[in-house]
N, C-alpha and C. Protein backbone atom coordinates (compact mmCIF):
# COMPACT_ATOMS: atom_id res chain seq x y z
N MET A 1 0.84 -1.18 0.00
CA MET A 1 0.00 0.00 0.00
C MET A 1 0.89 1.24 0.00
N LEU A 2 0.40 2.28 -0.65
CA LEU A 2 1.10 3.56 -0.64
C LEU A 2 0.75 4.32 0.63
N ASN A 3 1.78 4.69 1.38
CA ASN A 3 1.63 5.51 2.58
C ASN A 3 2.19 6.88 2.28
N ILE A 4 1.43 7.92 2.64
CA ILE A 4 1.89 9.29 2.42
C ILE A 4 1.92 10.04 3.75
N TYR A 5 3.06 10.67 4.02
CA TYR A 5 3.16 11.58 5.15
C TYR A 5 3.23 12.98 4.56
N PHE A 6 2.28 13.84 4.94
CA PHE A 6 2.24 15.21 4.42
C PHE A 6 2.99 16.16 5.32
N GLY A 7 3.71 17.09 4.71
CA GLY A 7 4.42 18.12 5.45
C GLY A 7 5.82 17.68 5.82
N GLU A 8 6.43 18.48 6.69
CA GLU A 8 7.80 18.21 7.11
C GLU A 8 7.88 16.89 7.88
N MET A 9 8.86 16.09 7.54
CA MET A 9 9.02 14.78 8.18
C MET A 9 9.77 14.94 9.50
N PRO A 10 9.21 14.47 10.61
CA PRO A 10 9.93 14.52 11.89
C PRO A 10 11.18 13.64 11.82
N GLU A 11 12.34 14.25 11.97
CA GLU A 11 13.61 13.54 11.79
C GLU A 11 13.77 12.36 12.75
N LYS A 12 13.34 12.52 13.98
CA LYS A 12 13.48 11.44 14.95
C LYS A 12 12.61 10.24 14.58
N GLN A 13 11.45 10.51 14.02
CA GLN A 13 10.53 9.44 13.65
C GLN A 13 10.92 8.80 12.31
N PHE A 14 11.53 9.60 11.42
CA PHE A 14 11.87 9.13 10.07
C PHE A 14 13.33 9.46 9.75
N PRO A 15 14.28 8.79 10.39
CA PRO A 15 15.69 9.10 10.15
C PRO A 15 16.17 8.73 8.75
N ASN A 16 15.41 7.92 8.02
CA ASN A 16 15.80 7.49 6.68
C ASN A 16 15.15 8.33 5.58
N TYR A 17 14.75 9.55 5.91
CA TYR A 17 14.09 10.44 4.96
C TYR A 17 15.11 11.19 4.12
N VAL A 18 14.82 11.31 2.80
CA VAL A 18 15.68 12.06 1.88
C VAL A 18 14.85 13.19 1.27
N TYR A 19 15.24 14.42 1.59
CA TYR A 19 14.55 15.59 1.05
C TYR A 19 15.02 15.91 -0.37
N ASN A 20 16.34 16.02 -0.58
CA ASN A 20 16.88 16.39 -1.89
C ASN A 20 17.15 15.14 -2.71
N THR A 21 16.12 14.71 -3.41
CA THR A 21 16.20 13.45 -4.16
C THR A 21 17.16 13.54 -5.34
N SER A 22 17.30 14.71 -5.92
CA SER A 22 18.19 14.86 -7.08
C SER A 22 19.65 14.60 -6.71
N VAL A 23 20.10 15.24 -5.65
CA VAL A 23 21.49 15.05 -5.20
C VAL A 23 21.70 13.61 -4.75
N TYR A 24 20.73 13.07 -4.03
CA TYR A 24 20.85 11.68 -3.56
C TYR A 24 20.94 10.73 -4.75
N PHE A 25 20.08 10.91 -5.75
CA PHE A 25 20.12 10.05 -6.95
C PHE A 25 21.47 10.13 -7.64
N ASP A 26 21.94 11.36 -7.88
CA ASP A 26 23.21 11.56 -8.60
C ASP A 26 24.37 10.82 -7.96
N ASN A 27 24.30 10.61 -6.66
CA ASN A 27 25.40 10.00 -5.93
C ASN A 27 25.17 8.54 -5.55
N THR A 28 23.99 7.99 -5.88
CA THR A 28 23.73 6.62 -5.45
C THR A 28 23.19 5.70 -6.55
N TYR A 29 22.74 6.24 -7.68
CA TYR A 29 22.10 5.37 -8.67
C TYR A 29 23.10 4.32 -9.19
N LEU A 30 22.55 3.20 -9.60
CA LEU A 30 23.35 2.11 -10.15
C LEU A 30 23.03 1.96 -11.64
N ASP A 31 24.02 1.59 -12.42
CA ASP A 31 23.82 1.39 -13.86
C ASP A 31 22.69 0.42 -14.13
N SER A 32 22.56 -0.60 -13.32
CA SER A 32 21.53 -1.62 -13.52
C SER A 32 20.11 -1.04 -13.47
N TRP A 33 19.94 0.07 -12.76
CA TRP A 33 18.62 0.69 -12.71
C TRP A 33 18.16 1.11 -14.10
N LEU A 34 19.08 1.55 -14.94
CA LEU A 34 18.73 2.06 -16.26
C LEU A 34 18.61 0.95 -17.29
N GLU A 35 19.12 -0.21 -16.98
CA GLU A 35 19.01 -1.35 -17.87
C GLU A 35 17.70 -2.10 -17.65
N ASP A 36 17.00 -1.78 -16.58
CA ASP A 36 15.73 -2.39 -16.22
C ASP A 36 14.64 -1.93 -17.19
N GLU A 37 13.87 -2.88 -17.73
CA GLU A 37 12.83 -2.57 -18.72
C GLU A 37 11.75 -1.63 -18.15
N TYR A 38 11.35 -1.86 -16.90
CA TYR A 38 10.33 -1.01 -16.28
C TYR A 38 10.85 0.42 -16.12
N SER A 39 12.10 0.57 -15.70
CA SER A 39 12.71 1.90 -15.59
C SER A 39 12.70 2.61 -16.94
N GLN A 40 12.99 1.88 -17.99
CA GLN A 40 13.02 2.48 -19.33
C GLN A 40 11.64 2.96 -19.76
N LYS A 41 10.58 2.24 -19.35
CA LYS A 41 9.21 2.69 -19.63
C LYS A 41 8.92 4.00 -18.91
N ILE A 42 9.35 4.10 -17.65
CA ILE A 42 9.13 5.32 -16.88
C ILE A 42 9.90 6.48 -17.53
N ILE A 43 11.14 6.24 -17.91
CA ILE A 43 11.98 7.28 -18.52
C ILE A 43 11.34 7.79 -19.81
N LYS A 44 10.84 6.88 -20.63
CA LYS A 44 10.19 7.26 -21.88
C LYS A 44 8.92 8.08 -21.61
N SER A 45 8.16 7.67 -20.60
CA SER A 45 6.90 8.34 -20.28
C SER A 45 7.12 9.73 -19.69
N ILE A 46 8.03 9.86 -18.75
CA ILE A 46 8.19 11.13 -18.02
C ILE A 46 9.04 12.14 -18.79
N ASP A 47 10.20 11.73 -19.26
CA ASP A 47 11.11 12.67 -19.93
C ASP A 47 11.13 12.51 -21.45
N ARG A 48 10.29 11.61 -21.97
CA ARG A 48 10.28 11.34 -23.41
C ARG A 48 11.70 11.09 -23.91
N ALA A 49 12.39 10.23 -23.19
CA ALA A 49 13.79 9.94 -23.47
C ALA A 49 13.99 8.44 -23.63
N THR A 50 15.03 8.10 -24.36
CA THR A 50 15.41 6.71 -24.59
C THR A 50 16.78 6.47 -23.98
N VAL A 51 16.91 5.40 -23.24
CA VAL A 51 18.19 5.06 -22.62
C VAL A 51 19.15 4.57 -23.71
N LEU A 52 20.30 5.22 -23.81
CA LEU A 52 21.35 4.82 -24.75
C LEU A 52 22.37 3.93 -24.08
N SER A 53 22.65 4.23 -22.83
CA SER A 53 23.60 3.47 -22.02
C SER A 53 23.29 3.79 -20.57
N PRO A 54 23.96 3.13 -19.63
CA PRO A 54 23.71 3.44 -18.22
C PRO A 54 24.12 4.87 -17.84
N ASN A 55 24.78 5.58 -18.73
CA ASN A 55 25.23 6.94 -18.42
C ASN A 55 24.61 8.02 -19.30
N ALA A 56 23.78 7.63 -20.28
CA ALA A 56 23.25 8.62 -21.21
C ALA A 56 21.85 8.26 -21.68
N VAL A 57 21.04 9.31 -21.89
CA VAL A 57 19.72 9.15 -22.48
C VAL A 57 19.58 10.15 -23.62
N ASP A 58 18.74 9.80 -24.57
CA ASP A 58 18.44 10.69 -25.69
C ASP A 58 17.07 11.29 -25.42
N SER A 59 17.06 12.57 -25.07
CA SER A 59 15.84 13.27 -24.71
C SER A 59 15.33 14.07 -25.90
N LYS A 60 14.02 13.99 -26.17
CA LYS A 60 13.45 14.77 -27.27
C LYS A 60 13.68 16.27 -27.07
N ALA A 61 13.63 16.71 -25.82
CA ALA A 61 13.77 18.14 -25.54
C ALA A 61 15.23 18.60 -25.50
N LEU A 62 16.12 17.77 -24.98
CA LEU A 62 17.49 18.22 -24.71
C LEU A 62 18.56 17.51 -25.53
N GLY A 63 18.20 16.49 -26.30
CA GLY A 63 19.20 15.71 -27.02
C GLY A 63 19.83 14.69 -26.11
N VAL A 64 21.06 14.30 -26.43
CA VAL A 64 21.76 13.31 -25.61
C VAL A 64 22.30 13.99 -24.36
N ILE A 65 21.89 13.46 -23.20
CA ILE A 65 22.30 14.05 -21.92
C ILE A 65 22.78 12.95 -20.98
N SER A 66 23.51 13.37 -19.99
CA SER A 66 23.95 12.47 -18.92
C SER A 66 22.74 12.06 -18.10
N ILE A 67 22.79 10.90 -17.50
CA ILE A 67 21.69 10.43 -16.65
C ILE A 67 21.45 11.38 -15.48
N THR A 68 22.48 12.09 -15.05
CA THR A 68 22.31 13.02 -13.94
C THR A 68 21.57 14.29 -14.36
N GLN A 69 21.27 14.44 -15.65
CA GLN A 69 20.55 15.61 -16.14
C GLN A 69 19.07 15.33 -16.41
N ILE A 70 18.60 14.12 -16.10
CA ILE A 70 17.18 13.83 -16.26
C ILE A 70 16.39 14.66 -15.25
N SER A 71 15.10 14.71 -15.41
CA SER A 71 14.26 15.54 -14.54
C SER A 71 14.28 15.04 -13.10
N GLY A 72 14.03 15.97 -12.19
CA GLY A 72 13.97 15.63 -10.77
C GLY A 72 12.87 14.64 -10.45
N GLY A 73 11.74 14.78 -11.11
CA GLY A 73 10.64 13.84 -10.89
C GLY A 73 11.01 12.43 -11.31
N LEU A 74 11.69 12.32 -12.44
CA LEU A 74 12.12 11.01 -12.93
C LEU A 74 13.15 10.39 -11.98
N LYS A 75 14.07 11.20 -11.49
CA LYS A 75 15.05 10.69 -10.52
C LYS A 75 14.34 10.12 -9.30
N THR A 76 13.32 10.83 -8.83
CA THR A 76 12.58 10.39 -7.65
C THR A 76 11.86 9.07 -7.92
N LEU A 77 11.23 8.95 -9.08
CA LEU A 77 10.55 7.70 -9.42
C LEU A 77 11.51 6.53 -9.47
N LEU A 78 12.69 6.75 -10.05
CA LEU A 78 13.68 5.67 -10.11
C LEU A 78 14.16 5.29 -8.71
N LEU A 79 14.28 6.27 -7.84
CA LEU A 79 14.63 5.97 -6.44
C LEU A 79 13.53 5.15 -5.77
N LEU A 80 12.28 5.53 -5.98
CA LEU A 80 11.17 4.78 -5.39
C LEU A 80 11.18 3.33 -5.85
N GLN A 81 11.51 3.14 -7.12
CA GLN A 81 11.51 1.80 -7.66
C GLN A 81 12.67 0.95 -7.15
N HIS A 82 13.84 1.56 -6.99
CA HIS A 82 15.04 0.77 -6.76
C HIS A 82 15.66 0.87 -5.36
N ASP A 83 15.36 1.90 -4.61
CA ASP A 83 15.98 2.07 -3.29
C ASP A 83 14.90 2.06 -2.22
N HIS A 84 14.68 0.91 -1.64
CA HIS A 84 13.62 0.77 -0.65
C HIS A 84 14.09 1.02 0.78
N SER A 85 15.30 1.53 0.91
CA SER A 85 15.85 1.79 2.24
C SER A 85 15.52 3.19 2.76
N LYS A 86 14.92 4.02 1.92
CA LYS A 86 14.68 5.43 2.27
C LYS A 86 13.23 5.81 2.03
N ILE A 87 12.85 6.94 2.61
CA ILE A 87 11.58 7.61 2.33
C ILE A 87 11.94 8.86 1.55
N PHE A 88 11.31 9.05 0.39
CA PHE A 88 11.70 10.15 -0.50
C PHE A 88 10.64 11.24 -0.58
N ASN A 89 11.12 12.46 -0.79
CA ASN A 89 10.29 13.63 -1.01
C ASN A 89 9.75 13.56 -2.44
N VAL A 90 8.48 13.24 -2.59
CA VAL A 90 7.88 13.09 -3.91
C VAL A 90 7.30 14.41 -4.41
N SER A 91 7.44 15.47 -3.64
CA SER A 91 7.01 16.79 -4.13
C SER A 91 7.94 17.31 -5.23
N THR A 92 9.01 16.59 -5.50
CA THR A 92 9.86 16.90 -6.64
C THR A 92 9.20 16.45 -7.94
N CYS A 93 8.12 15.69 -7.83
CA CYS A 93 7.41 15.15 -8.98
C CYS A 93 6.20 16.01 -9.32
N GLY A 94 5.92 16.10 -10.61
CA GLY A 94 4.68 16.72 -11.06
C GLY A 94 3.57 15.69 -11.09
N ASP A 95 2.37 16.14 -11.44
CA ASP A 95 1.23 15.23 -11.50
C ASP A 95 1.40 14.15 -12.57
N ASN A 96 2.27 14.39 -13.56
CA ASN A 96 2.52 13.36 -14.58
C ASN A 96 3.20 12.13 -13.99
N CYS A 97 3.73 12.25 -12.80
CA CYS A 97 4.38 11.12 -12.12
C CYS A 97 3.40 10.33 -11.25
N ALA A 98 2.21 10.86 -11.00
CA ALA A 98 1.29 10.25 -10.03
C ALA A 98 0.93 8.81 -10.38
N LYS A 99 0.62 8.55 -11.64
CA LYS A 99 0.24 7.18 -12.02
C LYS A 99 1.40 6.22 -11.79
N TRP A 100 2.63 6.71 -11.96
CA TRP A 100 3.79 5.86 -11.74
C TRP A 100 4.03 5.61 -10.25
N VAL A 101 3.77 6.61 -9.43
CA VAL A 101 3.89 6.43 -7.97
C VAL A 101 2.93 5.32 -7.53
N LEU A 102 1.68 5.39 -8.00
CA LEU A 102 0.71 4.35 -7.64
C LEU A 102 1.13 2.98 -8.16
N ASP A 103 1.65 2.94 -9.38
CA ASP A 103 2.05 1.67 -9.97
C ASP A 103 3.26 1.07 -9.25
N ILE A 104 4.23 1.90 -8.92
CA ILE A 104 5.41 1.42 -8.18
C ILE A 104 4.97 0.87 -6.83
N ALA A 105 4.03 1.56 -6.17
CA ALA A 105 3.53 1.09 -4.88
C ALA A 105 2.83 -0.26 -5.02
N LYS A 106 2.09 -0.48 -6.11
CA LYS A 106 1.43 -1.77 -6.33
C LYS A 106 2.45 -2.88 -6.56
N ARG A 107 3.52 -2.56 -7.27
CA ARG A 107 4.54 -3.55 -7.59
C ARG A 107 5.42 -3.89 -6.38
N TYR A 108 5.47 -2.97 -5.44
CA TYR A 108 6.33 -3.12 -4.27
C TYR A 108 5.73 -4.13 -3.31
N LYS A 109 6.53 -5.01 -2.81
CA LYS A 109 6.06 -5.99 -1.83
C LYS A 109 6.13 -5.35 -0.45
N GLY A 110 4.98 -5.01 0.10
CA GLY A 110 4.93 -4.31 1.38
C GLY A 110 4.42 -2.90 1.19
N ASP A 111 4.62 -2.08 2.20
CA ASP A 111 4.17 -0.70 2.16
C ASP A 111 5.28 0.20 1.62
N LEU A 112 4.91 1.12 0.73
CA LEU A 112 5.83 2.12 0.20
C LEU A 112 5.45 3.46 0.83
N THR A 113 6.38 4.06 1.55
CA THR A 113 6.12 5.33 2.23
C THR A 113 6.82 6.45 1.50
N ILE A 114 6.07 7.54 1.26
CA ILE A 114 6.61 8.73 0.61
C ILE A 114 6.23 9.96 1.40
N ASN A 115 6.88 11.07 1.09
CA ASN A 115 6.55 12.37 1.68
C ASN A 115 6.03 13.28 0.59
N LEU A 116 4.96 14.00 0.87
CA LEU A 116 4.43 15.02 -0.05
C LEU A 116 4.22 16.31 0.71
N ARG A 117 4.45 17.40 0.02
CA ARG A 117 4.22 18.72 0.60
C ARG A 117 3.24 19.51 -0.25
N HIS A 118 2.54 18.79 -1.12
CA HIS A 118 1.49 19.38 -1.95
C HIS A 118 0.46 18.29 -2.25
N LEU A 119 -0.68 18.68 -2.80
CA LEU A 119 -1.70 17.71 -3.18
C LEU A 119 -1.40 17.22 -4.59
N MET A 120 -0.92 16.01 -4.71
CA MET A 120 -0.66 15.41 -6.01
C MET A 120 -1.98 14.89 -6.56
N ASP A 121 -2.20 15.06 -7.86
CA ASP A 121 -3.43 14.61 -8.50
C ASP A 121 -3.26 13.15 -8.95
N PHE A 122 -3.91 12.23 -8.24
CA PHE A 122 -3.82 10.82 -8.54
C PHE A 122 -4.89 10.35 -9.52
N GLY A 123 -5.68 11.26 -10.05
CA GLY A 123 -6.63 10.92 -11.10
C GLY A 123 -7.96 10.42 -10.58
N ASN A 124 -8.81 10.00 -11.53
CA ASN A 124 -10.19 9.64 -11.23
C ASN A 124 -10.41 8.16 -10.92
N LYS A 125 -9.42 7.32 -11.17
CA LYS A 125 -9.59 5.89 -10.89
C LYS A 125 -9.47 5.65 -9.38
N PRO A 126 -10.15 4.61 -8.87
CA PRO A 126 -10.03 4.28 -7.44
C PRO A 126 -8.59 3.87 -7.10
N PHE A 127 -8.20 4.14 -5.88
CA PHE A 127 -6.88 3.76 -5.37
C PHE A 127 -7.00 3.52 -3.88
N GLU A 128 -5.91 3.08 -3.29
CA GLU A 128 -5.87 2.90 -1.84
C GLU A 128 -4.59 3.52 -1.32
N ILE A 129 -4.74 4.58 -0.55
CA ILE A 129 -3.61 5.32 0.01
C ILE A 129 -3.86 5.54 1.50
N ARG A 130 -2.84 5.29 2.30
CA ARG A 130 -2.93 5.58 3.73
C ARG A 130 -2.28 6.94 3.99
N ILE A 131 -3.04 7.86 4.58
CA ILE A 131 -2.50 9.14 5.01
C ILE A 131 -1.95 8.91 6.42
N MET A 132 -0.66 8.96 6.54
CA MET A 132 -0.01 8.61 7.81
C MET A 132 -0.25 9.65 8.91
N ASN A 133 -0.47 10.90 8.53
CA ASN A 133 -0.65 11.95 9.53
C ASN A 133 -1.79 11.63 10.49
N ASN A 134 -2.85 10.98 9.98
CA ASN A 134 -3.97 10.63 10.85
C ASN A 134 -4.41 9.18 10.67
N ASP A 135 -3.57 8.37 10.02
CA ASP A 135 -3.81 6.94 9.81
C ASP A 135 -5.18 6.66 9.18
N THR A 136 -5.49 7.41 8.12
CA THR A 136 -6.73 7.24 7.40
C THR A 136 -6.44 6.66 6.02
N VAL A 137 -7.23 5.68 5.60
CA VAL A 137 -7.10 5.11 4.26
C VAL A 137 -8.15 5.78 3.37
N VAL A 138 -7.68 6.31 2.24
CA VAL A 138 -8.58 6.96 1.28
C VAL A 138 -8.59 6.15 -0.01
N HIS A 139 -9.71 6.29 -0.76
CA HIS A 139 -9.93 5.42 -1.92
C HIS A 139 -10.17 6.17 -3.23
N ASN A 140 -10.27 7.50 -3.16
CA ASN A 140 -10.50 8.29 -4.36
C ASN A 140 -10.03 9.73 -4.11
N MET A 141 -10.04 10.52 -5.15
CA MET A 141 -9.52 11.89 -5.03
C MET A 141 -10.32 12.74 -4.05
N GLN A 142 -11.62 12.55 -3.99
CA GLN A 142 -12.42 13.36 -3.06
C GLN A 142 -12.01 13.08 -1.61
N GLU A 143 -11.92 11.81 -1.24
CA GLU A 143 -11.50 11.46 0.12
C GLU A 143 -10.07 11.94 0.38
N TYR A 144 -9.22 11.77 -0.62
CA TYR A 144 -7.81 12.17 -0.52
C TYR A 144 -7.68 13.67 -0.25
N VAL A 145 -8.36 14.49 -1.04
CA VAL A 145 -8.28 15.94 -0.90
C VAL A 145 -8.83 16.39 0.45
N LEU A 146 -9.94 15.82 0.87
CA LEU A 146 -10.52 16.21 2.17
C LEU A 146 -9.59 15.87 3.32
N CYS A 147 -8.92 14.73 3.23
CA CYS A 147 -8.03 14.31 4.31
C CYS A 147 -6.69 15.04 4.23
N ALA A 148 -6.06 15.03 3.07
CA ALA A 148 -4.74 15.62 2.90
C ALA A 148 -4.77 17.15 3.03
N GLY A 149 -5.90 17.74 2.68
CA GLY A 149 -6.03 19.19 2.77
C GLY A 149 -5.82 19.73 4.18
N LEU A 150 -5.96 18.88 5.18
CA LEU A 150 -5.73 19.28 6.55
C LEU A 150 -4.26 19.51 6.86
N TYR A 151 -3.38 18.97 6.00
CA TYR A 151 -1.94 18.97 6.30
C TYR A 151 -1.08 19.76 5.32
N VAL A 152 -1.64 20.16 4.19
CA VAL A 152 -0.86 20.95 3.22
C VAL A 152 -1.58 22.23 2.87
């Protein structure tokens, strides 16, 4: 299940929290992450880019760029998929990443916890998200906005 904690993460309660996902990604990503077929689908969807090698992608907007130059939202999604040791700030992602956040959470064995500091639009389809701030499970955007709106 996807767990969301809204607002600033209490450091004592969440010592494994990463606020600056871009810097963390640049210093921790593994080449194997980019060779993964699912990662390549996310890269194509978010940045409209094709992986050329573990160090380069061909972006429609920017041409051939280093992997460290991909968008911040894409870096965060790749971290969610591959690094389960941390809780990441998903406010680096735009709403175009929301469907991928839900999909990564479904694929993940266990609970996936993220931090948000804004209301991400998860769309009109039903979902199951636990708002950790008050331990409420929401199932659609209306319930989500009413609950999350208390914290952002």
